[in-house]
Amino acid sequence: MILFENESNSAAFYFAAEDYIMRTLKPTEGVLMLWSTAPTVMLGSNQIAEAEYDKKFTDSEGIEIIRRPSGGGAIYTDMETLQCTVILPFSQKDDAKASAHEWIVEPLINTLAKYGINAAFEGRNDVVIDGKKISGLAQHIHHGFICSHASILFNTDLSKLAKALTPARSKLESKGITSVEARVTTIAEHIKTETKTKRTVPIVRFRDELIKTYEEKTVLTPTPLTLPTSALNRPSSL
């Protein structure tokens, strides 16, 4: 499996990379990318933008708004949120859900277990700790490949997340909660609880542990990722 690496903190770059890998590179083996962004609201491919985020707040905070190529709900991410992308060759006989579970859900849950944290997969696409969401998954299929990606709330600013996102009240009520903040938690907070330490584990250390978990499963080949200018012109901010 190729571990593509780049120091960009632009969501547009990585969505362009996903497209470029599937459309142009067409690798014969799997691809893994682990990345973080500047404060960003990512919208699902079919969402109505105005209904999903607080424009006045995001403008005042300089939060970027971008639409991703996959479906699902709006999310907030920042440099303390880890994005995980896995791209695999895909045919009609393959199971999309099984692919995401094997290559994203299981490695994440196994990595959390190393810290003594018991996480579980819940519903259609959520990973939770004690019933609170720490990750959501989305997928899209193009050019004979399936791209599965997850946003992992490591030490995300949950206050900004709650102010930036404006989901429908009916969606919150269906989950038995009254606010976005009540639905989510961060991995860093649970690591401090389980390890009985007051110091927050850096996100880079958690990323390294996640890479080690993947290495227990497959051989990773770290490879620098660069994109031609033409590839960067595909996704755009709203």
C-alpha atoms as a PDB file:
ATOM      1  CA  MET A   1       0.000   0.000   0.000  1.00  0.00           C
ATOM      2  CA  ILE A   2       1.284   3.461  -0.951  1.00  0.00           C
ATOM      3  CA  LEU A   3       1.405   6.023   1.877  1.00  0.00           C
ATOM      4  CA  PHE A   4       1.181   9.305  -0.008  1.00  0.00           C
ATOM      5  CA  GLU A   5       2.484  12.274   2.012  1.00  0.00           C
ATOM      6  CA  ASN A   6       2.307  16.037   1.547  1.00  0.00           C
ATOM      7  CA  GLU A   7       2.540  18.974   3.959  1.00  0.00           C
ATOM      8  CA  SER A   8      -0.424  20.890   2.511  1.00  0.00           C
ATOM      9  CA  ASN A   9      -3.192  21.875   4.938  1.00  0.00           C
ATOM     10  CA  SER A  10      -5.695  22.602   2.159  1.00  0.00           C
ATOM     11  CA  ALA A  11      -8.732  20.341   1.853  1.00  0.00           C
ATOM     12  CA  ALA A  12      -8.969  21.305  -1.837  1.00  0.00           C
ATOM     13  CA  PHE A  13      -5.489  19.874  -2.393  1.00  0.00           C
ATOM     14  CA  TYR A  14      -6.386  16.489  -0.929  1.00  0.00           C
ATOM     15  CA  PHE A  15      -9.718  16.199  -2.721  1.00  0.00           C
ATOM     16  CA  ALA A  16      -7.851  17.037  -5.929  1.00  0.00           C
ATOM     17  CA  ALA A  17      -5.307  14.371  -4.977  1.00  0.00           C
ATOM     18  CA  GLU A  18      -8.033  11.766  -4.527  1.00  0.00           C
ATOM     19  CA  ASP A  19      -9.372  12.544  -7.988  1.00  0.00           C
ATOM     20  CA  TYR A  20      -5.893  12.612  -9.570  1.00  0.00           C
ATOM     21  CA  ILE A  21      -4.952   9.264  -8.048  1.00  0.00           C
ATOM     22  CA  MET A  22      -8.105   7.565  -9.336  1.00  0.00           C
ATOM     23  CA  ARG A  23      -8.354   9.376 -12.679  1.00  0.00           C
ATOM     24  CA  THR A  24      -4.706   9.584 -13.741  1.00  0.00           C
ATOM     25  CA  LEU A  25      -2.321   7.547 -11.581  1.00  0.00           C
ATOM     26  CA  LYS A  26      -4.594   4.477 -11.440  1.00  0.00           C
ATOM     27  CA  PRO A  27      -2.415   2.547  -8.938  1.00  0.00           C
ATOM     28  CA  THR A  28      -2.564  -1.239  -8.902  1.00  0.00           C
ATOM     29  CA  GLU A  29      -2.268  -1.272  -5.102  1.00  0.00           C
ATOM     30  CA  GLY A  30      -4.080   0.532  -2.315  1.00  0.00           C
ATOM     31  CA  VAL A  31      -3.378   4.131  -1.294  1.00  0.00           C
ATOM     32  CA  LEU A  32      -3.411   5.657   2.197  1.00  0.00           C
ATOM     33  CA  MET A  33      -3.301   9.373   3.017  1.00  0.00           C
ATOM     34  CA  LEU A  34      -3.374  10.882   6.522  1.00  0.00           C
ATOM     35  CA  TRP A  35      -3.789  14.634   6.517  1.00  0.00           C
ATOM     36  CA  SER A  36      -5.064  17.685   8.375  1.00  0.00           C
ATOM     37  CA  THR A  37      -6.502  21.004   7.246  1.00  0.00           C
ATOM     38  CA  ALA A  38      -6.766  24.593   8.328  1.00  0.00           C
ATOM     39  CA  PRO A  39     -10.208  25.303   9.843  1.00  0.00           C
ATOM     40  CA  THR A  40     -12.680  24.109   7.217  1.00  0.00           C
ATOM     41  CA  VAL A  41     -16.321  23.173   6.834  1.00  0.00           C
ATOM     42  CA  MET A  42     -16.675  20.289   4.381  1.00  0.00           C
ATOM     43  CA  LEU A  43     -20.082  19.842   2.797  1.00  0.00           C
ATOM     44  CA  GLY A  44     -21.435  16.602   1.389  1.00  0.00           C
ATOM     45  CA  SER A  45     -21.843  16.465  -2.391  1.00  0.00           C
ATOM     46  CA  ASN A  46     -25.628  16.931  -2.316  1.00  0.00           C
ATOM     47  CA  GLN A  47     -26.106  19.329   0.582  1.00  0.00           C
ATOM     48  CA  ILE A  48     -27.615  22.820   0.359  1.00  0.00           C
ATOM     49  CA  ALA A  49     -24.778  24.972   1.665  1.00  0.00           C
ATOM     50  CA  GLU A  50     -26.855  27.702   3.297  1.00  0.00           C
ATOM     51  CA  ALA A  51     -28.659  25.170   5.501  1.00  0.00           C
ATOM     52  CA  GLU A  52     -25.531  23.534   6.894  1.00  0.00           C
ATOM     53  CA  TYR A  53     -23.259  26.241   8.304  1.00  0.00           C
ATOM     54  CA  ASP A  54     -23.307  29.667   9.935  1.00  0.00           C
ATOM     55  CA  LYS A  55     -21.879  31.954   7.255  1.00  0.00           C
ATOM     56  CA  LYS A  56     -21.498  34.931   9.580  1.00  0.00           C
ATOM     57  CA  PHE A  57     -19.442  32.867  12.038  1.00  0.00           C
ATOM     58  CA  THR A  58     -17.310  31.095   9.413  1.00  0.00           C
ATOM     59  CA  ASP A  59     -16.569  34.397   7.653  1.00  0.00           C
ATOM     60  CA  SER A  60     -15.529  36.060  10.920  1.00  0.00           C
ATOM     61  CA  GLU A  61     -13.257  33.132  11.814  1.00  0.00           C
ATOM     62  CA  GLY A  62     -11.750  32.738   8.343  1.00  0.00           C
ATOM     63  CA  ILE A  63     -13.079  29.177   8.067  1.00  0.00           C
ATOM     64  CA  GLU A  64     -12.924  27.787   4.529  1.00  0.00           C
ATOM     65  CA  ILE A  65     -16.027  26.206   3.007  1.00  0.00           C
ATOM     66  CA  ILE A  66     -15.533  23.381   0.520  1.00  0.00           C
ATOM     67  CA  ARG A  67     -17.669  20.679  -1.030  1.00  0.00           C
ATOM     68  CA  ARG A  68     -16.259  17.158  -1.030  1.00  0.00           C
ATOM     69  CA  PRO A  69     -17.004  14.615  -3.788  1.00  0.00           C
ATOM     70  CA  SER A  70     -18.683  12.126  -1.428  1.00  0.00           C
ATOM     71  CA  GLY A  71     -22.108  12.263   0.196  1.00  0.00           C
ATOM     72  CA  GLY A  72     -22.947  12.486   3.881  1.00  0.00           C
ATOM     73  CA  GLY A  73     -23.293  15.429   6.236  1.00  0.00           C
ATOM     74  CA  ALA A  74     -21.348  18.618   6.820  1.00  0.00           C
ATOM     75  CA  ILE A  75     -18.307  18.406   9.088  1.00  0.00           C
ATOM     76  CA  TYR A  76     -15.877  20.845  10.697  1.00  0.00           C
ATOM     77  CA  THR A  77     -12.164  20.081  10.624  1.00  0.00           C
ATOM     78  CA  ASP A  78      -8.985  21.800  11.771  1.00  0.00           C
ATOM     79  CA  MET A  79      -5.301  21.017  12.324  1.00  0.00           C
ATOM     80  CA  GLU A  80      -6.221  18.869  15.349  1.00  0.00           C
ATOM     81  CA  THR A  81      -8.546  16.739  13.227  1.00  0.00           C
ATOM     82  CA  LEU A  82      -7.018  13.820  11.323  1.00  0.00           C
ATOM     83  CA  GLN A  83      -8.355  12.994   7.875  1.00  0.00           C
ATOM     84  CA  CYS A  84      -7.894   9.457   6.604  1.00  0.00           C
ATOM     85  CA  THR A  85      -8.248   8.556   2.917  1.00  0.00           C
ATOM     86  CA  VAL A  86      -8.027   5.016   1.548  1.00  0.00           C
ATOM     87  CA  ILE A  87      -8.269   4.393  -2.209  1.00  0.00           C
ATOM     88  CA  LEU A  88      -8.596   0.858  -3.582  1.00  0.00           C
ATOM     89  CA  PRO A  89      -9.308  -0.727  -6.973  1.00  0.00           C
ATOM     90  CA  PHE A  90     -13.030  -1.536  -7.082  1.00  0.00           C
ATOM     91  CA  SER A  91     -15.382  -3.615  -9.200  1.00  0.00           C
ATOM     92  CA  GLN A  92     -19.131  -4.223  -9.087  1.00  0.00           C
ATOM     93  CA  LYS A  93     -18.665  -7.488  -7.213  1.00  0.00           C
ATOM     94  CA  ASP A  94     -16.787  -5.779  -4.358  1.00  0.00           C
ATOM     95  CA  ASP A  95     -18.487  -4.702  -1.114  1.00  0.00           C
ATOM     96  CA  ALA A  96     -18.108  -0.963  -0.503  1.00  0.00           C
ATOM     97  CA  LYS A  97     -19.111  -1.080   3.168  1.00  0.00           C
ATOM     98  CA  ALA A  98     -16.785  -3.998   3.884  1.00  0.00           C
ATOM     99  CA  SER A  99     -13.933  -2.066   2.276  1.00  0.00           C
ATOM    100  CA  ALA A 100     -14.418   0.945   4.545  1.00  0.00           C
ATOM    101  CA  HIS A 101     -14.769  -1.254   7.616  1.00  0.00           C
ATOM    102  CA  GLU A 102     -11.612  -3.234   6.886  1.00  0.00           C
ATOM    103  CA  TRP A 103      -9.386  -0.341   5.877  1.00  0.00           C
ATOM    104  CA  ILE A 104     -10.596   2.541   8.053  1.00  0.00           C
ATOM    105  CA  VAL A 105     -12.888   1.435  10.874  1.00  0.00           C
ATOM    106  CA  GLU A 106     -10.853  -1.552  12.067  1.00  0.00           C
ATOM    107  CA  PRO A 107      -7.437   0.224  12.022  1.00  0.00           C
ATOM    108  CA  LEU A 108      -8.929   3.187  13.911  1.00  0.00           C
ATOM    109  CA  ILE A 109     -10.636   1.036  16.547  1.00  0.00           C
ATOM    110  CA  ASN A 110      -7.488  -1.103  16.950  1.00  0.00           C
ATOM    111  CA  THR A 111      -5.321   1.992  17.400  1.00  0.00           C
ATOM    112  CA  LEU A 112      -7.660   3.370  20.061  1.00  0.00           C
ATOM    113  CA  ALA A 113      -7.528   0.013  21.844  1.00  0.00           C
ATOM    114  CA  LYS A 114      -3.773   0.503  22.276  1.00  0.00           C
ATOM    115  CA  TYR A 115      -4.634   3.473  24.491  1.00  0.00           C
ATOM    116  CA  GLY A 116      -7.184   1.439  26.426  1.00  0.00           C
ATOM    117  CA  ILE A 117     -10.105   3.098  24.651  1.00  0.00           C
ATOM    118  CA  ASN A 118     -13.097   0.954  23.683  1.00  0.00           C
ATOM    119  CA  ALA A 119     -14.560   2.364  20.463  1.00  0.00           C
ATOM    120  CA  ALA A 120     -17.341   0.913  18.328  1.00  0.00           C
ATOM    121  CA  PHE A 121     -18.900   1.261  14.898  1.00  0.00           C
ATOM    122  CA  GLU A 122     -22.454   2.600  15.088  1.00  0.00           C
ATOM    123  CA  GLY A 123     -25.184   3.197  12.527  1.00  0.00           C
ATOM    124  CA  ARG A 124     -24.240   3.620   8.892  1.00  0.00           C
ATOM    125  CA  ASN A 125     -20.932   5.447   9.166  1.00  0.00           C
ATOM    126  CA  ASP A 126     -19.975   6.529  12.707  1.00  0.00           C
ATOM    127  CA  VAL A 127     -17.224   5.460  15.094  1.00  0.00           C
ATOM    128  CA  VAL A 128     -18.126   6.297  18.686  1.00  0.00           C
ATOM    129  CA  ILE A 129     -16.660   6.276  22.196  1.00  0.00           C
ATOM    130  CA  ASP A 130     -19.246   5.890  24.950  1.00  0.00           C
ATOM    131  CA  GLY A 131     -21.969   6.735  22.443  1.00  0.00           C
ATOM    132  CA  LYS A 132     -20.326   9.964  21.281  1.00  0.00           C
ATOM    133  CA  LYS A 133     -19.028  10.365  17.756  1.00  0.00           C
ATOM    134  CA  ILE A 134     -15.298  10.660  17.078  1.00  0.00           C
ATOM    135  CA  SER A 135     -15.348   9.804  13.381  1.00  0.00           C
ATOM    136  CA  GLY A 136     -17.667   9.642  10.388  1.00  0.00           C
ATOM    137  CA  LEU A 137     -17.103   7.906   7.059  1.00  0.00           C
ATOM    138  CA  ALA A 138     -18.049   8.715   3.475  1.00  0.00           C
ATOM    139  CA  GLN A 139     -17.273   7.072   0.121  1.00  0.00           C
ATOM    140  CA  HIS A 140     -17.386   7.695  -3.591  1.00  0.00           C
ATOM    141  CA  ILE A 141     -16.622   5.450  -6.569  1.00  0.00           C
ATOM    142  CA  HIS A 142     -14.968   6.735  -9.748  1.00  0.00           C
ATOM    143  CA  HIS A 143     -12.799   5.419 -12.570  1.00  0.00           C
ATOM    144  CA  GLY A 144     -12.728   1.858 -11.208  1.00  0.00           C
ATOM    145  CA  PHE A 145     -11.672   2.876  -7.688  1.00  0.00           C
ATOM    146  CA  ILE A 146     -13.413   3.353  -4.368  1.00  0.00           C
ATOM    147  CA  CYS A 147     -12.335   6.257  -2.186  1.00  0.00           C
ATOM    148  CA  SER A 148     -13.228   5.931   1.496  1.00  0.00           C
ATOM    149  CA  HIS A 149     -12.433   8.802   3.806  1.00  0.00           C
ATOM    150  CA  ALA A 150     -12.984   9.549   7.468  1.00  0.00           C
ATOM    151  CA  SER A 151     -12.696  12.644   9.614  1.00  0.00           C
ATOM    152  CA  ILE A 152     -11.234  11.747  13.023  1.00  0.00           C
ATOM    153  CA  LEU A 153     -11.863  14.161  15.912  1.00  0.00           C
ATOM    154  CA  PHE A 154      -8.535  13.928  17.701  1.00  0.00           C
ATOM    155  CA  ASN A 155      -8.341  17.240  19.579  1.00  0.00           C
ATOM    156  CA  THR A 156     -10.713  19.234  17.398  1.00  0.00           C
ATOM    157  CA  ASP A 157     -11.991  22.590  18.657  1.00  0.00           C
ATOM    158  CA  LEU A 158     -15.511  21.421  19.510  1.00  0.00           C
ATOM    159  CA  SER A 159     -16.625  24.932  20.437  1.00  0.00           C
ATOM    160  CA  LYS A 160     -15.924  26.161  16.904  1.00  0.00           C
ATOM    161  CA  LEU A 161     -17.425  22.984  15.459  1.00  0.00           C
ATOM    162  CA  ALA A 162     -20.679  23.637  17.318  1.00  0.00           C
ATOM    163  CA  LYS A 163     -20.809  27.274  16.201  1.00  0.00           C
ATOM    164  CA  ALA A 164     -19.887  26.590  12.574  1.00  0.00           C
ATOM    165  CA  LEU A 165     -22.355  23.785  11.850  1.00  0.00           C
ATOM    166  CA  THR A 166     -26.115  24.289  11.774  1.00  0.00           C
ATOM    167  CA  PRO A 167     -27.792  20.909  11.211  1.00  0.00           C
ATOM    168  CA  ALA A 168     -31.568  20.690  11.145  1.00  0.00           C
ATOM    169  CA  ARG A 169     -33.139  20.431  14.597  1.00  0.00           C
ATOM    170  CA  SER A 170     -35.004  17.303  13.457  1.00  0.00           C
ATOM    171  CA  LYS A 171     -31.681  15.588  12.796  1.00  0.00           C
ATOM    172  CA  LEU A 172     -30.475  16.321  16.333  1.00  0.00           C
ATOM    173  CA  GLU A 173     -33.764  15.260  17.888  1.00  0.00           C
ATOM    174  CA  SER A 174     -33.666  11.957  15.994  1.00  0.00           C
ATOM    175  CA  LYS A 175     -30.456  11.195  17.900  1.00  0.00           C
ATOM    176  CA  GLY A 176     -31.938  12.279  21.237  1.00  0.00           C
ATOM    177  CA  ILE A 177     -29.683  15.331  21.632  1.00  0.00           C
ATOM    178  CA  THR A 178     -30.211  19.079  21.679  1.00  0.00           C
ATOM    179  CA  SER A 179     -26.897  20.353  20.256  1.00  0.00           C
ATOM    180  CA  VAL A 180     -24.056  19.364  17.934  1.00  0.00           C
ATOM    181  CA  GLU A 181     -21.585  19.531  20.818  1.00  0.00           C
ATOM    182  CA  ALA A 182     -23.578  16.961  22.802  1.00  0.00           C
ATOM    183  CA  ARG A 183     -23.128  14.402  20.017  1.00  0.00           C
ATOM    184  CA  VAL A 184     -19.325  14.499  19.670  1.00  0.00           C
ATOM    185  CA  THR A 185     -16.172  14.031  21.727  1.00  0.00           C
ATOM    186  CA  THR A 186     -12.428  14.045  21.103  1.00  0.00           C
ATOM    187  CA  ILE A 187      -9.954  11.182  21.217  1.00  0.00           C
ATOM    188  CA  ALA A 188      -7.387  13.299  23.077  1.00  0.00           C
ATOM    189  CA  GLU A 189      -9.748  13.761  26.025  1.00  0.00           C
ATOM    190  CA  HIS A 190     -10.280  10.011  26.322  1.00  0.00           C
ATOM    191  CA  ILE A 191      -6.553   9.294  26.057  1.00  0.00           C
ATOM    192  CA  LYS A 192      -5.947  11.617  29.023  1.00  0.00           C
ATOM    193  CA  THR A 193      -8.648   9.800  31.008  1.00  0.00           C
ATOM    194  CA  GLU A 194      -7.420   6.299  30.198  1.00  0.00           C
ATOM    195  CA  THR A 195      -3.716   7.039  30.713  1.00  0.00           C
ATOM    196  CA  LYS A 196      -4.364   9.215  33.794  1.00  0.00           C
ATOM    197  CA  THR A 197      -2.217  12.046  32.475  1.00  0.00           C
ATOM    198  CA  LYS A 198      -2.878  15.767  32.312  1.00  0.00           C
ATOM    199  CA  ARG A 199      -0.796  16.194  29.165  1.00  0.00           C
ATOM    200  CA  THR A 200      -2.460  16.010  25.765  1.00  0.00           C
ATOM    201  CA  VAL A 201      -0.922  13.533  23.331  1.00  0.00           C
ATOM    202  CA  PRO A 202       0.169  15.375  20.142  1.00  0.00           C
ATOM    203  CA  ILE A 203      -1.839  14.531  17.046  1.00  0.00           C
ATOM    204  CA  VAL A 204       1.364  13.565  15.230  1.00  0.00           C
ATOM    205  CA  ARG A 205       1.963  10.822  17.806  1.00  0.00           C
ATOM    206  CA  PHE A 206      -1.528   9.437  17.304  1.00  0.00           C
ATOM    207  CA  ARG A 207      -0.980   9.577  13.545  1.00  0.00           C
ATOM    208  CA  ASP A 208       2.227   7.563  13.998  1.00  0.00           C
ATOM    209  CA  GLU A 209       0.343   4.962  16.061  1.00  0.00           C
ATOM    210  CA  LEU A 210      -2.299   4.691  13.365  1.00  0.00           C
ATOM    211  CA  ILE A 211       0.421   4.154  10.761  1.00  0.00           C
ATOM    212  CA  LYS A 212       1.895   1.388  12.929  1.00  0.00           C
ATOM    213  CA  THR A 213      -1.524  -0.286  13.013  1.00  0.00           C
ATOM    214  CA  TYR A 214      -1.659  -0.201   9.214  1.00  0.00           C
ATOM    215  CA  GLU A 215       1.856  -1.650   9.092  1.00  0.00           C
ATOM    216  CA  GLU A 216       0.631  -4.597  11.155  1.00  0.00           C
ATOM    217  CA  LYS A 217      -1.856  -5.223   8.346  1.00  0.00           C
ATOM    218  CA  THR A 218       0.130  -4.435   5.209  1.00  0.00           C
ATOM    219  CA  VAL A 219       3.423  -3.052   3.900  1.00  0.00           C
ATOM    220  CA  LEU A 220       3.360   0.737   3.561  1.00  0.00           C
ATOM    221  CA  THR A 221       5.555   2.540   1.056  1.00  0.00           C
ATOM    222  CA  PRO A 222       5.946   6.224   2.035  1.00  0.00           C
ATOM    223  CA  THR A 223       5.889   8.312  -1.150  1.00  0.00           C
ATOM    224  CA  PRO A 224       5.914  12.103  -1.641  1.00  0.00           C
ATOM    225  CA  LEU A 225       2.734  13.345  -3.315  1.00  0.00           C
ATOM    226  CA  THR A 226       2.882  16.171  -5.844  1.00  0.00           C
ATOM    227  CA  LEU A 227       0.111  17.297  -8.179  1.00  0.00           C
ATOM    228  CA  PRO A 228       0.268  19.012 -11.556  1.00  0.00           C
ATOM    229  CA  THR A 229      -1.420  22.400 -11.803  1.00  0.00           C
ATOM    230  CA  SER A 230      -4.159  20.921 -13.985  1.00  0.00           C
ATOM    231  CA  ALA A 231      -5.183  18.542 -11.189  1.00  0.00           C
ATOM    232  CA  LEU A 232      -5.454  21.367  -8.658  1.00  0.00           C
ATOM    233  CA  ASN A 233      -8.078  23.146 -10.739  1.00  0.00           C
ATOM    234  CA  ARG A 234     -10.804  20.523 -10.176  1.00  0.00           C
ATOM    235  CA  PRO A 235     -12.238  21.056  -6.654  1.00  0.00           C
ATOM    236  CA  SER A 236     -13.167  24.585  -5.604  1.00  0.00           C
ATOM    237  CA  SER A 237     -14.138  26.371  -2.424  1.00  0.00           C
ATOM    238  CA  LEU A 238     -17.695  27.729  -2.157  1.00  0.00           C
END
